Amino acid sequence: MRPTLGGRRARPRTRGGTPARALTATITAGALLLAGACGGSAAAGKENITLSVGLFGDFGFEPLYRQFEQAHPNVRIKERQATYDDHHTNLAAHIATGSGAADVEAIEVGYIGTYTAQPQRFVDLRKYGASTRQSEYLAWKWQQGVAANGAVIGLGTDVGGLALCYRRDLFAKAGLPADRAKVSALWPTWQAFLDTGRRFAAKAPSGAKFVDGPGEFFRAMVAQAPEGVYDRQDKVVAATNPAVKQAWDLSTRMVADGLSAKLTSFTPAWDTGFAKSSFATVACPAWMMAYIQEHSPGSSGRWDIAAIPGGGGSAGGTHLTVPTQGKHQKEAAELVRFLSAAPQQEAVFKAIGNFPSLPALYDKPEVRDHTNPFFNGAPVGKIYADSAKSLDPQHLGPAEGQVRAAIGNGLTRVDQGRQSPDQAWKQALDDVSKVK
């Protein structure tokens, strides 16, 4: 689940156009057998406790909380949500001061390296049986939540394999193919994507631009390179990695060519852009499907999903952690195990689209054959399973999120006409050099 670059970043209010109550209907009988994930229901006479869960947006967990509470009559769960930026800023302050964190805290992959470097601040989930889960996970997803000393500080929920969502109707009006296979063939490379954008712009419907803005496309391009903004020695290499500068040049070319709707992702203006059909394409990790459905309620069947230019890549994904400052660490760890278990990951995917991080689910017919009517019946199970299987994610540094945000802010300045690409690049690198 999701990530952002630059500007004011807010996580989706919900991760899906599907209300949480739909998840209740989706959860199968197997998902309700909590004993396997949680060790059975609480015994009578235990202390009544409240567990707090800190999230950046709505992960669709509410129905799952109710199931956990049914199996643990002495537990009540309270969720607190914040925007993406506010959540991670507040979490950093809470961890640094030793107070204020929720019993369970979600951490997006761009920030997980910050906390695997501080394992003493989090419960080592191996203490509560997490080691038995390792074989269930994609190897790289598991490793993202592991500290250098071997402590498991977080269990993964979703992964963000990349595709590209596009508006079939706007493509057709601009004289472009609408069929997803033909659309995918338009852009084997990012340069071909820009060339297609110019074709779209020549006959675009009134008020429609080719892309929402450059930020998420920049992130997608960088994600496809062997190395991103950090090297494996945790040195920031944004200034010296040619893949980063190449992505910057292509992203700012989108702006120069008039292809951008000049909208910053996860802002109210961006939400309105979906509703008003202001752009025809958006970088689309699995969790983005839910966001589009929520903010384009009248566009069912007009959206579709094609291959991402350049092939593959990853954007986003989350781990659930238990800060050591919490008073109910055992119960919190039990909740993390439950929410990240296979039946729950499958149910969330089928309800709102967040793609599981457990590969055993990928070939299950219920996942592999899953389609999404909103996206013209796109075979989303196959699309995102294939993407997840082929991923070889980059090494993520300890201040990954802050470095990306500094560069993303520069792209926003270019998109809004406040700086030239060269000026913004110079300032972005200066801002990156100050990240600690």
Foldseek 3Di string as FASTA:
>chain_A
DFAWAADDFFDEQALALFDLVVLLVLQDPVLLPLCVLQVFADDPPDAQDEFEEEERHHLSCVSVQVSNCVRYVSYHYHYDYTTPVVLVVVVVVCLVVLDDDTQKYKDKLLALQQCLQPVVQFDQLVVVPCVVCCVQFDVVQQVSQAHPVGRRFWDWQFWFKWWKKFFLVQCVQLVHHSDQVRVQVQFQALVSVVVVQLSSVVRGDPLEAAEAALIVQLVQQQQLDQAHQAAPVQDGCCPPPVSNVVSLVSRLVCLVSVRHLLHGPNDPVSLVCLCVNNHTMDIDTQSVHRVSCNSNVVQQLRMAIHGDHNGIGTGMTIIMGGTPSDPPNNVSSSVSSSCRDDSNSLSSCLRGGRHGRGLVCLPDCSQQQDFDRSNVRYRSSVVNSVRNVPDDGYDHHNNSSQLSHLLSNLSSCSNVVNDPSVVSVVRSVVSNVPDD
